[in-house]
Amino acid sequence: MPQLDLTGFAPQIIWLVITFIALWLLMARVALPRISNVLEERQARIDDNLDAAQNLRNEAEAELEAYEKTLADAREQARQAIQQAHGEATADAAARQEELGQRLANDVKDAEARIAKAKDDAIGSIRDVAADTASAITERLIGATASSEAVAAAVDAAMKDK
């Protein structure tokens, strides 16, 4: 093996050192600065993206708080509107009930008046029929005609007792 031949060992070491130094210089002057720039650019982009993400997160949290506040305000307004509508409906129902009560009371008074009139008419008709019947019975029983005033007075006296 040529690597283990000690006579050519010194030139191999020299070429190894020369090659190592050349590669090291090439890496130090060309490759490493480029890699360093790429890494710095990536780190800068990552930092910018993290900052942008944090800003977006802060904006999202602010928007969420605004949304929750708006939602709470809307719920409060809805609650107040429902209470107001309930109050109006209750007042309207009370007014309608009062109106219906008045109308029913008036209808009851009218019905009582009609009943009283019908009762008076019926009693008047009964009085007239009773007077006619009493006059006819008197004439048939005793054969004499009684005066209408006497029959009417007798019927009125009998009806007062009842």
Foldseek 3Di string as FASTA:
>chain_A
DVCPPPVCVVVVVVVVVVVVVVVVCCCVPPVVVVVVVVVVVVVVVVVVVVVVVVVVVVVVVVVVVVVVVVVVVVVVVVVVVVVVVVVVVVVVVVVVVVVVVVVVVVVVVVVVVVVVVVVVVVVVVVLVVQLVVVQVVCCVPVVDGDDSVVSSVVSVVVVVVD
